[in-house]
C-alpha atoms as a PDB file:
ATOM      1  CA  MET A   1      -7.026  44.273  37.387  1.00  0.00           C
ATOM      2  CA  ASN A   2      -8.133  45.326  40.812  1.00  0.00           C
ATOM      3  CA  LEU A   3     -11.580  46.280  39.556  1.00  0.00           C
ATOM      4  CA  MET A   4     -12.030  42.871  37.977  1.00  0.00           C
ATOM      5  CA  LEU A   5     -10.881  41.248  41.231  1.00  0.00           C
ATOM      6  CA  LEU A   6     -13.388  43.374  43.218  1.00  0.00           C
ATOM      7  CA  TRP A   7     -16.138  42.298  40.860  1.00  0.00           C
ATOM      8  CA  LEU A   8     -15.257  38.640  41.368  1.00  0.00           C
ATOM      9  CA  ILE A   9     -15.014  38.791  45.172  1.00  0.00           C
ATOM     10  CA  PRO A  10     -18.225  37.538  46.780  1.00  0.00           C
ATOM     11  CA  ASN A  11     -20.117  39.723  49.283  1.00  0.00           C
ATOM     12  CA  ALA A  12     -19.831  37.221  52.115  1.00  0.00           C
ATOM     13  CA  GLN A  13     -17.482  37.886  55.029  1.00  0.00           C
ATOM     14  CA  SER A  14     -14.706  35.326  55.244  1.00  0.00           C
ATOM     15  CA  ILE A  15     -10.973  35.269  55.661  1.00  0.00           C
ATOM     16  CA  PHE A  16     -10.558  34.839  51.862  1.00  0.00           C
ATOM     17  CA  THR A  17     -12.585  37.935  51.019  1.00  0.00           C
ATOM     18  CA  LEU A  18     -10.902  39.910  53.767  1.00  0.00           C
ATOM     19  CA  SER A  19      -7.444  39.092  52.434  1.00  0.00           C
ATOM     20  CA  MET A  20      -8.516  39.965  48.830  1.00  0.00           C
ATOM     21  CA  VAL A  21      -9.982  43.306  49.999  1.00  0.00           C
ATOM     22  CA  ALA A  22      -6.790  44.057  51.929  1.00  0.00           C
ATOM     23  CA  MET A  23      -4.662  43.263  48.863  1.00  0.00           C
ATOM     24  CA  THR A  24      -6.764  45.474  46.626  1.00  0.00           C
ATOM     25  CA  MET A  25      -6.624  48.229  49.238  1.00  0.00           C
ATOM     26  CA  PHE A  26      -2.844  48.349  49.424  1.00  0.00           C
ATOM     27  CA  SER A  27      -2.391  48.296  45.671  1.00  0.00           C
ATOM     28  CA  PRO A  28      -3.861  51.784  44.925  1.00  0.00           C
ATOM     29  CA  ILE A  29      -2.201  53.250  47.997  1.00  0.00           C
ATOM     30  CA  ARG A  30       1.163  51.858  46.908  1.00  0.00           C
ATOM     31  CA  GLY A  31       0.487  53.261  43.416  1.00  0.00           C
ATOM     32  CA  MET A  32      -0.295  56.732  44.762  1.00  0.00           C
ATOM     33  CA  ILE A  33       2.843  56.751  46.845  1.00  0.00           C
ATOM     34  CA  SER A  34       5.111  55.658  43.979  1.00  0.00           C
ATOM     35  CA  VAL A  35       4.082  58.178  41.336  1.00  0.00           C
ATOM     36  CA  ASN A  36       7.535  59.574  40.807  1.00  0.00           C
ATOM     37  CA  THR A  37       9.154  56.154  40.495  1.00  0.00           C
ATOM     38  CA  ALA A  38       6.497  55.115  37.951  1.00  0.00           C
ATOM     39  CA  PHE A  39       7.261  58.186  35.839  1.00  0.00           C
ATOM     40  CA  ALA A  40      11.045  58.189  36.397  1.00  0.00           C
ATOM     41  CA  PRO A  41      11.917  56.819  32.924  1.00  0.00           C
ATOM     42  CA  PHE A  42       9.945  59.636  31.263  1.00  0.00           C
ATOM     43  CA  GLN A  43      11.559  62.445  33.247  1.00  0.00           C
ATOM     44  CA  GLU A  44      14.833  61.979  31.386  1.00  0.00           C
ATOM     45  CA  ALA A  45      13.110  62.802  28.138  1.00  0.00           C
ATOM     46  CA  ARG A  46      11.985  66.160  29.525  1.00  0.00           C
ATOM     47  CA  LEU A  47       8.312  65.557  28.719  1.00  0.00           C
ATOM     48  CA  PRO A  48       5.527  67.487  30.465  1.00  0.00           C
ATOM     49  CA  LEU A  49       4.320  64.920  32.984  1.00  0.00           C
ATOM     50  CA  PHE A  50       2.021  66.915  35.286  1.00  0.00           C
ATOM     51  CA  GLN A  51      -1.233  66.026  33.494  1.00  0.00           C
ATOM     52  CA  ALA A  52      -0.239  62.335  33.174  1.00  0.00           C
ATOM     53  CA  LYS A  53       0.658  62.170  36.866  1.00  0.00           C
ATOM     54  CA  MET A  54      -2.694  63.739  37.819  1.00  0.00           C
ATOM     55  CA  ILE A  55      -4.589  61.208  35.671  1.00  0.00           C
ATOM     56  CA  PHE A  56      -2.521  58.420  37.221  1.00  0.00           C
ATOM     57  CA  LEU A  57      -3.403  59.612  40.722  1.00  0.00           C
ATOM     58  CA  ALA A  58      -7.056  60.114  39.856  1.00  0.00           C
ATOM     59  CA  LEU A  59      -7.409  56.566  38.522  1.00  0.00           C
ATOM     60  CA  HIS A  60      -5.770  55.131  41.628  1.00  0.00           C
ATOM     61  CA  PHE A  61      -8.037  57.267  43.798  1.00  0.00           C
ATOM     62  CA  LEU A  62     -11.116  56.087  41.834  1.00  0.00           C
ATOM     63  CA  ASN A  63      -9.978  52.483  42.371  1.00  0.00           C
ATOM     64  CA  PHE A  64      -9.690  53.173  46.084  1.00  0.00           C
ATOM     65  CA  LEU A  65     -13.208  54.713  46.200  1.00  0.00           C
ATOM     66  CA  ILE A  66     -14.665  51.692  44.452  1.00  0.00           C
ATOM     67  CA  LEU A  67     -12.901  49.499  46.949  1.00  0.00           C
ATOM     68  CA  MET A  68     -14.396  51.471  49.863  1.00  0.00           C
ATOM     69  CA  TYR A  69     -17.893  51.064  48.293  1.00  0.00           C
ATOM     70  CA  LYS A  70     -17.388  47.331  47.986  1.00  0.00           C
ATOM     71  CA  ALA A  71     -16.049  47.061  51.583  1.00  0.00           C
ATOM     72  CA  SER A  72     -19.079  49.024  52.762  1.00  0.00           C
ATOM     73  CA  LYS A  73     -21.431  46.692  50.944  1.00  0.00           C
ATOM     74  CA  MET A  74     -19.656  43.702  52.429  1.00  0.00           C
ATOM     75  CA  GLY A  75     -20.006  45.047  55.971  1.00  0.00           C
ATOM     76  CA  PHE A  76     -16.286  45.661  56.668  1.00  0.00           C
ATOM     77  CA  LEU A  77     -16.770  49.406  57.295  1.00  0.00           C
ATOM     78  CA  PRO A  78     -18.827  50.749  60.269  1.00  0.00           C
ATOM     79  CA  THR A  79     -21.710  52.635  58.696  1.00  0.00           C
ATOM     80  CA  ALA A  80     -24.403  52.558  61.432  1.00  0.00           C
ATOM     81  CA  ILE A  81     -24.265  54.747  64.539  1.00  0.00           C
ATOM     82  CA  THR A  82     -24.489  51.699  66.780  1.00  0.00           C
ATOM     83  CA  GLU A  83     -21.368  50.202  65.240  1.00  0.00           C
ATOM     84  CA  THR A  84     -19.286  53.228  66.136  1.00  0.00           C
ATOM     85  CA  LEU A  85     -20.671  54.022  69.602  1.00  0.00           C
ATOM     86  CA  ALA A  86     -21.084  50.538  71.059  1.00  0.00           C
ATOM     87  CA  PRO A  87     -17.340  49.888  71.508  1.00  0.00           C
ATOM     88  CA  ALA A  88     -17.032  53.134  73.458  1.00  0.00           C
ATOM     89  CA  GLY A  89     -19.618  51.923  75.989  1.00  0.00           C
ATOM     90  CA  PHE A  90     -22.500  54.061  74.754  1.00  0.00           C
ATOM     91  CA  ILE A  91     -25.501  52.108  73.589  1.00  0.00           C
ATOM     92  CA  PRO A  92     -28.582  54.142  72.693  1.00  0.00           C
ATOM     93  CA  GLN A  93     -31.554  53.201  74.852  1.00  0.00           C
ATOM     94  CA  GLN A  94     -34.869  52.575  73.156  1.00  0.00           C
ATOM     95  CA  SER A  95     -37.797  54.231  74.810  1.00  0.00           C
ATOM     96  CA  LEU A  96     -41.218  52.681  75.175  1.00  0.00           C
ATOM     97  CA  TRP A  97     -42.760  56.077  74.401  1.00  0.00           C
ATOM     98  CA  VAL A  98     -42.071  56.944  70.834  1.00  0.00           C
END
């Protein structure tokens, strides 16, 4: 569901897209945190759940990576060196002699 939502979100920066990206960001994090509660009904049956839990975590992590790619393409993540150094007060000077 989150992947379809990420596909439908436009690449423009607005409050709507920011709220949708935030919602799709918290969903996989919440899923990775609640692995044991998701598999609690199956633990009573004494089934081997390690492989299923690892697949569950891997799919949530893949969803999170796709979200980070989408947020990077939308411009929500600082990817250039000037975006990370300018708030600290360091702005690279351009020289006339290249």
